[in-house]
Amino acid sequence: QVQLVESGGGLVQPGGSLRLSCAASRSGFSIYAMGWYRQAPRKQRELVATLTSGGSTNYADSVKGRFTISRDNAKNTVFLQMNSLKPEDTAVYYCNVQLYSGSAYIWGQGTQVTVSS
């Protein structure tokens, strides 16, 4: 069973930056897709960004140009660089992986990101 460990959340002022990391508990095999979702209070969980092992990315329109997803395939770790943060980016951010195409999602425990002055 693969487990995910997230880090990097916190409190930041509007316009600031944060970098989230998520490491899978096992390495030595290729994970099909890794990504990030977020859930704000009283809202549904939504996709932020995903990145496949082949390099295909998908971003929510609300974060395009501000957030960048990347991964270290050797370490099965995914990163989310968040720049120009806005108060509306405040949410719990969840790491998500699919071990292979069509497989069930595996979720991290979530990390809080708060953007406030």
N, C-alpha and C. Protein backbone atom coordinates (compact mmCIF):
# COMPACT_ATOMS: atom_id res chain seq x y z
N GLN A 1 0.84 -1.18 0.00
CA GLN A 1 0.00 0.00 0.00
C GLN A 1 0.89 1.25 0.00
N VAL A 2 0.62 2.17 -0.91
CA VAL A 2 1.38 3.41 -0.98
C VAL A 2 0.72 4.46 -0.11
N GLN A 3 1.52 5.12 0.69
CA GLN A 3 1.02 6.24 1.47
C GLN A 3 1.72 7.51 1.01
N LEU A 4 1.04 8.64 1.22
CA LEU A 4 1.55 9.93 0.77
C LEU A 4 1.79 10.84 1.97
N VAL A 5 2.92 11.51 1.95
CA VAL A 5 3.26 12.44 3.03
C VAL A 5 3.44 13.82 2.43
N GLU A 6 2.60 14.74 2.87
CA GLU A 6 2.61 16.10 2.34
C GLU A 6 3.32 17.05 3.31
N SER A 7 3.87 18.12 2.76
CA SER A 7 4.48 19.15 3.58
C SER A 7 4.49 20.47 2.81
N GLY A 8 4.70 21.56 3.54
CA GLY A 8 4.89 22.85 2.89
C GLY A 8 3.76 23.84 3.03
N GLY A 9 2.65 23.45 3.64
CA GLY A 9 1.56 24.40 3.82
C GLY A 9 1.89 25.44 4.88
N GLY A 10 1.00 26.42 5.02
CA GLY A 10 1.20 27.44 6.04
C GLY A 10 0.43 28.69 5.74
N LEU A 11 0.81 29.75 6.46
CA LEU A 11 0.17 31.06 6.32
C LEU A 11 1.08 31.97 5.51
N VAL A 12 0.51 32.63 4.51
CA VAL A 12 1.28 33.53 3.66
C VAL A 12 0.42 34.73 3.32
N GLN A 13 1.06 35.86 3.10
CA GLN A 13 0.34 37.08 2.73
C GLN A 13 -0.04 37.04 1.25
N PRO A 14 -1.08 37.76 0.87
CA PRO A 14 -1.42 37.84 -0.56
C PRO A 14 -0.23 38.31 -1.38
N GLY A 15 -0.05 37.65 -2.51
CA GLY A 15 1.09 37.95 -3.37
C GLY A 15 2.31 37.11 -3.06
N GLY A 16 2.27 36.38 -1.97
CA GLY A 16 3.41 35.56 -1.58
C GLY A 16 3.44 34.21 -2.28
N SER A 17 4.40 33.39 -1.86
CA SER A 17 4.62 32.09 -2.48
C SER A 17 4.75 31.00 -1.43
N LEU A 18 4.37 29.80 -1.85
CA LEU A 18 4.57 28.59 -1.05
C LEU A 18 4.89 27.45 -1.99
N ARG A 19 5.59 26.45 -1.45
CA ARG A 19 5.89 25.25 -2.24
C ARG A 19 5.45 24.03 -1.45
N LEU A 20 4.55 23.29 -2.02
CA LEU A 20 4.07 22.06 -1.41
C LEU A 20 4.84 20.87 -1.96
N SER A 21 5.05 19.88 -1.10
CA SER A 21 5.70 18.64 -1.51
C SER A 21 4.86 17.46 -1.07
N CYS A 22 4.93 16.40 -1.84
CA CYS A 22 4.22 15.17 -1.50
C CYS A 22 5.08 14.00 -1.94
N ALA A 23 5.45 13.16 -0.98
CA ALA A 23 6.30 12.02 -1.27
C ALA A 23 5.54 10.72 -1.05
N ALA A 24 5.64 9.83 -2.02
CA ALA A 24 5.05 8.50 -1.87
C ALA A 24 5.97 7.65 -1.00
N SER A 25 5.36 6.74 -0.25
CA SER A 25 6.12 5.96 0.72
C SER A 25 6.98 4.89 0.07
N ARG A 26 6.74 4.62 -1.21
CA ARG A 26 7.54 3.64 -1.92
C ARG A 26 8.14 4.28 -3.15
N SER A 27 9.32 3.86 -3.50
CA SER A 27 9.95 4.31 -4.73
C SER A 27 10.40 3.08 -5.52
N GLY A 28 11.03 3.33 -6.66
CA GLY A 28 11.51 2.20 -7.44
C GLY A 28 10.51 1.70 -8.45
N PHE A 29 9.39 2.41 -8.59
CA PHE A 29 8.42 2.07 -9.62
C PHE A 29 7.83 3.38 -10.12
N SER A 30 7.25 3.35 -11.30
CA SER A 30 6.74 4.56 -11.91
C SER A 30 5.27 4.75 -11.56
N ILE A 31 4.95 5.94 -11.05
CA ILE A 31 3.57 6.29 -10.77
C ILE A 31 3.00 7.00 -11.99
N TYR A 32 1.83 6.57 -12.42
CA TYR A 32 1.23 7.12 -13.64
C TYR A 32 0.96 8.63 -13.52
N ALA A 33 0.23 9.04 -12.51
CA ALA A 33 -0.15 10.45 -12.39
C ALA A 33 -0.05 10.90 -10.93
N MET A 34 0.41 12.11 -10.76
CA MET A 34 0.49 12.71 -9.43
C MET A 34 -0.09 14.11 -9.54
N GLY A 35 -0.73 14.55 -8.49
CA GLY A 35 -1.34 15.87 -8.60
C GLY A 35 -1.81 16.42 -7.27
N TRP A 36 -2.49 17.54 -7.39
CA TRP A 36 -3.00 18.25 -6.22
C TRP A 36 -4.44 18.65 -6.44
N TYR A 37 -5.23 18.52 -5.38
CA TYR A 37 -6.59 19.00 -5.32
C TYR A 37 -6.68 19.91 -4.09
N ARG A 38 -7.73 20.68 -4.01
CA ARG A 38 -7.93 21.51 -2.83
C ARG A 38 -9.39 21.59 -2.48
N GLN A 39 -9.65 21.87 -1.20
CA GLN A 39 -11.02 22.01 -0.72
C GLN A 39 -11.08 23.17 0.25
N ALA A 40 -11.84 24.19 -0.14
CA ALA A 40 -12.07 25.34 0.71
C ALA A 40 -13.30 25.07 1.57
N PRO A 41 -13.44 25.80 2.68
CA PRO A 41 -14.61 25.61 3.54
C PRO A 41 -15.91 25.76 2.77
N ARG A 42 -16.81 24.82 2.96
CA ARG A 42 -18.15 24.84 2.37
C ARG A 42 -18.13 24.71 0.84
N LYS A 43 -17.02 24.22 0.31
CA LYS A 43 -16.93 24.01 -1.13
C LYS A 43 -16.50 22.57 -1.42
N GLN A 44 -16.75 22.14 -2.65
CA GLN A 44 -16.33 20.81 -3.06
C GLN A 44 -14.84 20.79 -3.36
N ARG A 45 -14.29 19.58 -3.22
CA ARG A 45 -12.88 19.42 -3.59
C ARG A 45 -12.74 19.63 -5.09
N GLU A 46 -11.68 20.36 -5.47
CA GLU A 46 -11.48 20.67 -6.88
C GLU A 46 -10.04 20.39 -7.30
N LEU A 47 -9.89 20.08 -8.57
CA LEU A 47 -8.56 19.84 -9.11
C LEU A 47 -7.77 21.14 -9.15
N VAL A 48 -6.50 21.05 -8.80
CA VAL A 48 -5.58 22.19 -8.93
C VAL A 48 -4.64 21.93 -10.11
N ALA A 49 -3.93 20.81 -10.06
CA ALA A 49 -3.00 20.49 -11.14
C ALA A 49 -2.64 19.01 -11.08
N THR A 50 -2.40 18.43 -12.25
CA THR A 50 -1.93 17.05 -12.32
C THR A 50 -0.81 16.94 -13.33
N LEU A 51 0.00 15.92 -13.16
CA LEU A 51 1.16 15.71 -14.04
C LEU A 51 1.35 14.20 -14.19
N THR A 52 1.34 13.73 -15.43
CA THR A 52 1.53 12.30 -15.66
C THR A 52 3.01 11.98 -15.80
N SER A 53 3.31 10.70 -15.77
CA SER A 53 4.70 10.28 -15.93
C SER A 53 5.22 10.62 -17.32
N GLY A 54 4.31 10.82 -18.27
CA GLY A 54 4.72 11.20 -19.61
C GLY A 54 4.90 12.68 -19.80
N GLY A 55 4.60 13.47 -18.77
CA GLY A 55 4.83 14.90 -18.83
C GLY A 55 3.61 15.74 -19.15
N SER A 56 2.44 15.11 -19.28
CA SER A 56 1.23 15.88 -19.56
C SER A 56 0.72 16.55 -18.30
N THR A 57 0.39 17.83 -18.43
CA THR A 57 -0.10 18.59 -17.29
C THR A 57 -1.53 19.04 -17.52
N ASN A 58 -2.21 19.27 -16.42
CA ASN A 58 -3.56 19.81 -16.45
C ASN A 58 -3.69 20.76 -15.27
N TYR A 59 -4.08 21.99 -15.52
CA TYR A 59 -4.22 22.99 -14.47
C TYR A 59 -5.65 23.53 -14.43
N ALA A 60 -6.11 23.85 -13.25
CA ALA A 60 -7.35 24.60 -13.13
C ALA A 60 -7.13 25.99 -13.72
N ASP A 61 -8.16 26.52 -14.36
CA ASP A 61 -8.02 27.85 -14.96
C ASP A 61 -7.64 28.90 -13.93
N SER A 62 -8.11 28.73 -12.71
CA SER A 62 -7.89 29.73 -11.68
C SER A 62 -6.43 29.82 -11.23
N VAL A 63 -5.63 28.81 -11.55
CA VAL A 63 -4.22 28.82 -11.09
C VAL A 63 -3.22 28.90 -12.24
N LYS A 64 -3.70 28.84 -13.46
CA LYS A 64 -2.79 28.90 -14.61
C LYS A 64 -1.98 30.18 -14.58
N GLY A 65 -0.68 30.03 -14.82
CA GLY A 65 0.22 31.18 -14.82
C GLY A 65 0.75 31.54 -13.44
N ARG A 66 0.17 30.95 -12.40
CA ARG A 66 0.62 31.24 -11.03
C ARG A 66 1.21 30.01 -10.34
N PHE A 67 0.65 28.86 -10.63
CA PHE A 67 1.10 27.61 -9.99
C PHE A 67 1.84 26.75 -11.02
N THR A 68 2.83 26.02 -10.53
CA THR A 68 3.57 25.10 -11.39
C THR A 68 3.72 23.77 -10.68
N ILE A 69 3.33 22.71 -11.37
CA ILE A 69 3.49 21.36 -10.83
C ILE A 69 4.72 20.71 -11.45
N SER A 70 5.44 19.97 -10.62
CA SER A 70 6.61 19.24 -11.11
C SER A 70 6.75 17.97 -10.28
N ARG A 71 7.59 17.08 -10.74
CA ARG A 71 7.77 15.83 -10.00
C ARG A 71 9.18 15.31 -10.16
N ASP A 72 9.61 14.59 -9.14
CA ASP A 72 10.88 13.87 -9.16
C ASP A 72 10.52 12.39 -9.26
N ASN A 73 10.61 11.85 -10.47
CA ASN A 73 10.15 10.48 -10.68
C ASN A 73 11.00 9.46 -9.92
N ALA A 74 12.27 9.75 -9.75
CA ALA A 74 13.14 8.81 -9.04
C ALA A 74 12.73 8.66 -7.58
N LYS A 75 12.18 9.73 -7.02
CA LYS A 75 11.79 9.71 -5.61
C LYS A 75 10.27 9.65 -5.44
N ASN A 76 9.54 9.56 -6.55
CA ASN A 76 8.08 9.55 -6.51
C ASN A 76 7.56 10.68 -5.63
N THR A 77 8.04 11.87 -5.92
CA THR A 77 7.65 13.07 -5.18
C THR A 77 7.09 14.09 -6.16
N VAL A 78 6.03 14.74 -5.76
CA VAL A 78 5.43 15.78 -6.58
C VAL A 78 5.45 17.09 -5.81
N PHE A 79 5.65 18.18 -6.54
CA PHE A 79 5.74 19.51 -5.96
C PHE A 79 4.69 20.42 -6.58
N LEU A 80 4.29 21.41 -5.80
CA LEU A 80 3.40 22.45 -6.34
C LEU A 80 3.98 23.80 -5.90
N GLN A 81 4.54 24.52 -6.84
CA GLN A 81 5.03 25.87 -6.58
C GLN A 81 3.89 26.84 -6.79
N MET A 82 3.55 27.56 -5.75
CA MET A 82 2.41 28.48 -5.81
C MET A 82 2.92 29.91 -5.64
N ASN A 83 2.76 30.71 -6.66
CA ASN A 83 3.18 32.11 -6.65
C ASN A 83 1.96 33.02 -6.76
N SER A 84 2.16 34.27 -6.42
CA SER A 84 1.09 35.27 -6.53
C SER A 84 -0.19 34.77 -5.86
N LEU A 85 -0.03 34.28 -4.66
CA LEU A 85 -1.17 33.68 -3.96
C LEU A 85 -2.23 34.72 -3.63
N LYS A 86 -3.49 34.27 -3.68
CA LYS A 86 -4.63 35.12 -3.42
C LYS A 86 -5.43 34.55 -2.24
N PRO A 87 -6.20 35.37 -1.57
CA PRO A 87 -7.03 34.84 -0.47
C PRO A 87 -7.92 33.69 -0.91
N GLU A 88 -8.38 33.71 -2.14
CA GLU A 88 -9.25 32.64 -2.62
C GLU A 88 -8.51 31.33 -2.85
N ASP A 89 -7.21 31.33 -2.71
CA ASP A 89 -6.44 30.08 -2.77
C ASP A 89 -6.43 29.36 -1.42
N THR A 90 -6.97 30.01 -0.41
CA THR A 90 -7.03 29.40 0.91
C THR A 90 -7.86 28.12 0.87
N ALA A 91 -7.25 27.02 1.33
CA ALA A 91 -7.92 25.73 1.28
C ALA A 91 -7.01 24.68 1.91
N VAL A 92 -7.56 23.50 2.11
CA VAL A 92 -6.73 22.34 2.42
C VAL A 92 -6.34 21.72 1.08
N TYR A 93 -5.05 21.54 0.90
CA TYR A 93 -4.53 20.99 -0.35
C TYR A 93 -4.20 19.52 -0.15
N TYR A 94 -4.70 18.69 -1.05
CA TYR A 94 -4.53 17.24 -0.96
C TYR A 94 -3.69 16.74 -2.13
N CYS A 95 -2.71 15.95 -1.80
CA CYS A 95 -1.93 15.25 -2.81
C CYS A 95 -2.74 14.03 -3.27
N ASN A 96 -2.55 13.66 -4.53
CA ASN A 96 -3.34 12.59 -5.13
C ASN A 96 -2.47 11.87 -6.15
N VAL A 97 -2.51 10.54 -6.14
CA VAL A 97 -1.79 9.79 -7.16
C VAL A 97 -2.66 8.68 -7.73
N GLN A 98 -2.37 8.34 -8.96
CA GLN A 98 -2.89 7.14 -9.60
C GLN A 98 -1.69 6.29 -9.96
N LEU A 99 -1.63 5.09 -9.42
CA LEU A 99 -0.46 4.25 -9.67
C LEU A 99 -0.34 3.87 -11.14
N TYR A 100 -1.47 3.66 -11.78
CA TYR A 100 -1.49 3.39 -13.21
C TYR A 100 -2.80 3.94 -13.76
N SER A 101 -2.87 4.09 -15.07
CA SER A 101 -4.03 4.69 -15.71
C SER A 101 -5.30 3.93 -15.37
N GLY A 102 -6.30 4.63 -14.85
CA GLY A 102 -7.57 4.01 -14.51
C GLY A 102 -7.64 3.45 -13.11
N SER A 103 -6.56 3.48 -12.38
CA SER A 103 -6.59 2.91 -11.03
C SER A 103 -7.24 3.89 -10.07
N ALA A 104 -7.55 3.40 -8.90
CA ALA A 104 -8.18 4.25 -7.88
C ALA A 104 -7.21 5.33 -7.42
N TYR A 105 -7.79 6.44 -7.02
CA TYR A 105 -6.95 7.52 -6.48
C TYR A 105 -6.48 7.17 -5.07
N ILE A 106 -5.27 7.57 -4.76
CA ILE A 106 -4.74 7.51 -3.40
C ILE A 106 -4.56 8.93 -2.93
N TRP A 107 -5.03 9.21 -1.71
CA TRP A 107 -5.03 10.58 -1.22
C TRP A 107 -4.08 10.76 -0.04
N GLY A 108 -3.48 11.95 0.03
CA GLY A 108 -2.72 12.34 1.20
C GLY A 108 -3.65 12.87 2.28
N GLN A 109 -3.07 13.24 3.42
CA GLN A 109 -3.88 13.67 4.55
C GLN A 109 -4.30 15.13 4.45
N GLY A 110 -3.68 15.87 3.56
CA GLY A 110 -4.01 17.27 3.37
C GLY A 110 -3.10 18.20 4.16
N THR A 111 -2.87 19.36 3.58
CA THR A 111 -2.08 20.39 4.24
C THR A 111 -2.77 21.74 4.05
N GLN A 112 -2.86 22.50 5.12
CA GLN A 112 -3.61 23.77 5.09
C GLN A 112 -2.75 24.87 4.47
N VAL A 113 -3.35 25.59 3.55
CA VAL A 113 -2.75 26.79 2.99
C VAL A 113 -3.71 27.95 3.27
N THR A 114 -3.20 28.96 3.94
CA THR A 114 -4.00 30.13 4.28
C THR A 114 -3.32 31.38 3.72
N VAL A 115 -4.06 32.12 2.92
CA VAL A 115 -3.55 33.36 2.32
C VAL A 115 -4.32 34.52 2.93
N SER A 116 -3.63 35.26 3.76
CA SER A 116 -4.29 36.33 4.49
C SER A 116 -3.29 37.37 4.94
N SER A 117 -3.74 38.62 4.98
CA SER A 117 -2.88 39.69 5.50
C SER A 117 -3.13 39.89 6.99
